[in-house]
Amino acid sequence: MHLTSVDTATSNTRWRPAHPPIFESDSPYAAMKDSLERRIRGMHALWLEALSTMGPEHVNHQERPGVLPIAFSVNHQVRIEDASLVLLAGEPLLWNTEGWNQRAQVAVDDLGRDTTVSEMERQRIGNYEAFCDYARRVYTRTEAWLFGLDPGRLADVLFRGSYPEFLQNAYIHRVVRDETVQLSDAVECWIYQHGIRHLGEIEHARALVGLGGLTS
């Protein structure tokens, strides 16, 4: 098993993760899998840097009424990735099975996918250290699953070939062809693209609390 970004992306390595060697395979999806692995590890490395260089005073700060605190984006990204592994890999939801909801003390115990700004502007993370531990567990699990995935599985069609109602307004709807969701689409959109999009929010919000950006 290759070491994950949680193990290799640290302040000592300037938050650069070590990528696994290219997996030798005859599958036409091998190069796609390698690309997804590297991009997801890079995205996780940025999240690890962001989480490690913020404190509860930063993530729980609300600029003004009607503006979401950083705590919203942090809670939302990690928990959506956790939930994605339920659909992609049949894994149990870590948030519920290991008691992270009690340990992290999140004020609004919700993923924030279908809630309003007025509801989620109340989001706060009571035990930030515990939440960061949870995030590391989620990232480690995602990378371990993808590392062990047969490249050919990326062509698998999800939801029996139909497009589910709950994804009608999701970003993935703009990506798939003929409303057919392949595993590769789901990994790209639900994990990588979703994580990158919310990193943009984090970088902007960090400036509002006196912190710098993450990349040039």
Protein backbone atom coordinates (compact mmCIF):
# COMPACT_ATOMS: atom_id res chain seq x y z
CA MET A 1 0.00 0.00 0.00
CA HIS A 2 1.41 3.39 -1.02
CA LEU A 3 1.58 6.06 1.69
CA THR A 4 -1.24 8.57 1.47
CA SER A 5 -1.10 12.35 1.23
CA VAL A 6 -1.88 12.45 4.97
CA ASP A 7 1.43 10.66 5.56
CA THR A 8 3.54 12.49 3.00
CA ALA A 9 2.15 16.03 2.58
CA THR A 10 3.47 17.89 5.63
CA SER A 11 5.09 21.19 6.40
CA ASN A 12 8.46 19.40 6.14
CA THR A 13 7.73 18.47 2.50
CA ARG A 14 6.17 21.89 1.79
CA TRP A 15 2.82 20.08 1.62
CA ARG A 16 3.75 18.11 -1.49
CA PRO A 17 2.40 14.55 -1.45
CA ALA A 18 4.32 11.53 -2.69
CA HIS A 19 2.51 9.95 -5.63
CA PRO A 20 2.35 6.20 -6.24
CA PRO A 21 4.31 4.67 -9.12
CA ILE A 22 2.47 4.18 -12.40
CA PHE A 23 0.39 1.02 -12.23
CA GLU A 24 1.34 -1.28 -15.09
CA SER A 25 -1.89 -2.39 -16.74
CA ASP A 26 -3.25 -3.18 -20.18
CA SER A 27 -6.47 -1.36 -19.30
CA PRO A 28 -7.13 1.77 -21.38
CA TYR A 29 -8.25 3.36 -18.10
CA ALA A 30 -4.87 2.98 -16.37
CA ALA A 31 -3.67 6.45 -17.38
CA MET A 32 -6.97 7.98 -16.26
CA LYS A 33 -6.68 6.28 -12.89
CA ASP A 34 -3.11 7.53 -12.48
CA SER A 35 -4.21 11.07 -13.31
CA LEU A 36 -7.13 10.95 -10.87
CA GLU A 37 -4.89 9.62 -8.11
CA ARG A 38 -2.34 12.39 -8.55
CA ARG A 39 -4.92 15.16 -8.76
CA ILE A 40 -6.84 13.93 -5.73
CA ARG A 41 -3.65 13.59 -3.69
CA GLY A 42 -2.67 17.12 -4.71
CA MET A 43 -6.11 18.43 -3.76
CA HIS A 44 -5.96 16.64 -0.41
CA ALA A 45 -2.50 18.10 0.20
CA LEU A 46 -3.91 21.61 -0.25
CA TRP A 47 -6.73 20.83 2.16
CA LEU A 48 -4.25 19.46 4.70
CA GLU A 49 -2.22 22.66 4.43
CA ALA A 50 -5.33 24.81 4.76
CA LEU A 51 -6.61 22.89 7.79
CA SER A 52 -3.22 22.88 9.49
CA THR A 53 -2.65 26.61 9.04
CA MET A 54 -6.02 27.67 10.46
CA GLY A 55 -7.41 27.57 13.96
CA PRO A 56 -10.95 27.62 15.37
CA GLU A 57 -10.78 31.41 15.58
CA HIS A 58 -10.39 31.47 11.78
CA VAL A 59 -12.86 28.79 10.72
CA ASN A 60 -15.60 30.00 13.07
CA HIS A 61 -15.27 33.67 12.20
CA GLN A 62 -18.28 35.16 10.44
CA GLU A 63 -17.51 38.27 8.45
CA ARG A 64 -21.08 39.58 8.65
CA PRO A 65 -24.68 38.30 8.63
CA GLY A 66 -25.51 36.50 5.40
CA VAL A 67 -21.92 35.38 4.83
CA LEU A 68 -20.92 31.78 5.52
CA PRO A 69 -17.99 31.13 7.86
CA ILE A 70 -15.07 28.97 6.75
CA ALA A 71 -16.56 26.27 8.99
CA PHE A 72 -19.27 25.72 6.39
CA SER A 73 -16.86 24.91 3.56
CA VAL A 74 -14.66 22.76 5.80
CA ASN A 75 -17.58 20.69 7.10
CA HIS A 76 -19.24 20.48 3.68
CA GLN A 77 -16.23 19.29 1.67
CA VAL A 78 -15.05 16.60 4.04
CA ARG A 79 -18.49 15.19 4.73
CA ILE A 80 -19.47 15.13 1.05
CA GLU A 81 -16.31 13.14 0.32
CA ASP A 82 -17.14 10.80 3.21
CA ALA A 83 -20.66 10.31 1.81
CA SER A 84 -19.31 9.80 -1.72
CA LEU A 85 -17.41 6.69 -0.61
CA VAL A 86 -20.73 5.22 0.54
CA LEU A 87 -21.97 5.37 -3.08
CA LEU A 88 -18.68 4.68 -4.84
CA ALA A 89 -17.26 1.91 -2.67
CA GLY A 90 -20.07 0.73 -0.42
CA GLU A 91 -18.14 1.98 2.62
CA PRO A 92 -19.96 2.94 5.82
CA LEU A 93 -20.30 6.62 6.63
CA LEU A 94 -17.38 7.41 8.94
CA TRP A 95 -19.18 10.40 10.43
CA ASN A 96 -21.86 8.20 12.00
CA THR A 97 -20.07 4.91 12.57
CA GLU A 98 -17.14 6.30 14.53
CA GLY A 99 -18.91 8.99 16.54
CA TRP A 100 -17.28 11.98 14.88
CA ASN A 101 -20.51 13.94 15.20
CA GLN A 102 -20.12 13.90 18.99
CA ARG A 103 -16.35 14.37 18.95
CA ALA A 104 -16.13 17.25 16.47
CA GLN A 105 -19.10 19.15 17.96
CA VAL A 106 -20.35 20.63 14.69
CA ALA A 107 -23.10 23.16 15.40
CA VAL A 108 -25.26 22.29 12.37
CA ASP A 109 -25.00 18.53 11.84
CA ASP A 110 -25.71 18.62 8.12
CA LEU A 111 -23.72 18.26 4.90
CA GLY A 112 -25.01 21.63 3.74
CA ARG A 113 -26.05 20.43 0.31
CA ASP A 114 -29.74 21.36 0.36
CA THR A 115 -29.80 23.92 3.16
CA THR A 116 -30.13 27.69 3.02
CA VAL A 117 -27.51 30.32 3.76
CA SER A 118 -29.50 31.45 6.79
CA GLU A 119 -29.30 27.92 8.20
CA MET A 120 -25.63 27.32 7.43
CA GLU A 121 -24.29 30.72 8.47
CA ARG A 122 -24.73 29.37 12.00
CA GLN A 123 -22.19 26.63 11.29
CA ARG A 124 -19.36 26.37 13.81
CA ILE A 125 -16.88 23.60 14.63
CA GLY A 126 -16.63 23.18 18.40
CA ASN A 127 -13.65 20.78 18.45
CA TYR A 128 -11.53 21.77 15.48
CA GLU A 129 -8.69 19.38 16.30
CA ALA A 130 -11.10 16.43 16.30
CA PHE A 131 -12.61 17.55 13.00
CA CYS A 132 -9.16 17.72 11.41
CA ASP A 133 -8.55 14.15 12.60
CA TYR A 134 -11.80 13.15 10.91
CA ALA A 135 -10.75 14.88 7.67
CA ARG A 136 -7.47 12.99 7.64
CA ARG A 137 -9.33 9.70 8.08
CA VAL A 138 -11.64 10.54 5.16
CA TYR A 139 -8.76 11.50 2.86
CA THR A 140 -6.79 8.39 3.79
CA ARG A 141 -9.76 6.14 3.07
CA THR A 142 -10.48 7.75 -0.30
CA GLU A 143 -6.88 7.39 -1.47
CA ALA A 144 -6.61 3.79 -0.25
CA TRP A 145 -9.80 2.88 -2.13
CA LEU A 146 -8.68 4.53 -5.37
CA PHE A 147 -5.18 3.03 -5.11
CA GLY A 148 -6.65 -0.46 -4.90
CA LEU A 149 -9.25 0.06 -7.64
CA ASP A 150 -8.93 -1.94 -10.85
CA PRO A 151 -8.56 0.71 -13.61
CA GLY A 152 -11.25 -0.95 -15.72
CA ARG A 153 -13.80 -0.23 -12.99
CA LEU A 154 -13.71 3.44 -13.96
CA ALA A 155 -15.93 2.53 -16.92
CA ASP A 156 -18.62 1.10 -14.62
CA VAL A 157 -22.04 2.68 -15.11
CA LEU A 158 -23.73 3.79 -11.90
CA PHE A 159 -27.42 3.95 -10.95
CA ARG A 160 -28.26 1.20 -13.47
CA GLY A 161 -27.82 3.63 -16.34
CA SER A 162 -30.44 6.14 -15.20
CA TYR A 163 -29.77 9.65 -13.95
CA PRO A 164 -31.04 10.07 -10.36
CA GLU A 165 -33.34 12.90 -9.39
CA PHE A 166 -31.16 14.00 -6.45
CA LEU A 167 -28.33 14.90 -8.87
CA GLN A 168 -30.39 17.09 -11.19
CA ASN A 169 -28.82 20.33 -9.95
CA ALA A 170 -25.37 18.91 -9.27
CA TYR A 171 -22.21 19.84 -11.19
CA ILE A 172 -21.89 16.28 -12.47
CA HIS A 173 -25.03 16.80 -14.57
CA ARG A 174 -23.03 19.21 -16.74
CA VAL A 175 -20.28 16.65 -17.27
CA VAL A 176 -21.91 13.31 -18.05
CA ARG A 177 -22.81 12.19 -21.56
CA ASP A 178 -26.42 11.13 -22.26
CA GLU A 179 -27.17 11.34 -18.51
CA THR A 180 -25.11 8.19 -17.93
CA VAL A 181 -22.87 8.40 -14.87
CA GLN A 182 -19.68 6.39 -15.06
CA LEU A 183 -17.51 5.74 -12.03
CA SER A 184 -14.83 7.98 -13.56
CA ASP A 185 -17.34 10.86 -13.75
CA ALA A 186 -18.31 10.41 -10.10
CA VAL A 187 -14.71 10.30 -8.84
CA GLU A 188 -13.78 13.36 -10.91
CA CYS A 189 -16.80 15.44 -9.92
CA TRP A 190 -17.67 14.36 -6.39
CA ILE A 191 -14.14 14.15 -5.04
CA TYR A 192 -11.64 16.11 -7.13
CA GLN A 193 -13.73 18.90 -8.68
CA HIS A 194 -15.82 19.35 -5.55
CA GLY A 195 -12.73 19.60 -3.37
CA ILE A 196 -11.05 22.10 -5.68
CA ARG A 197 -14.13 24.29 -5.94
CA HIS A 198 -14.43 24.65 -2.18
CA LEU A 199 -10.71 25.27 -1.83
CA GLY A 200 -11.34 28.44 -3.81
CA GLU A 201 -13.81 29.54 -1.16
CA ILE A 202 -11.28 28.75 1.55
CA GLU A 203 -8.52 30.77 -0.11
CA HIS A 204 -10.76 33.81 -0.48
CA ALA A 205 -12.11 33.52 3.06
CA ARG A 206 -8.60 33.12 4.52
CA ALA A 207 -7.78 36.62 3.32
CA LEU A 208 -10.72 37.96 5.32
CA VAL A 209 -9.29 36.52 8.55
CA GLY A 210 -5.72 37.67 7.95
CA LEU A 211 -4.27 34.50 6.45
CA GLY A 212 -2.47 34.07 3.14
CA GLY A 213 -3.27 31.98 0.10
CA LEU A 214 -2.12 28.44 -0.53
CA THR A 215 -0.74 28.41 -4.08
CA SER A 216 0.54 30.91 -6.61
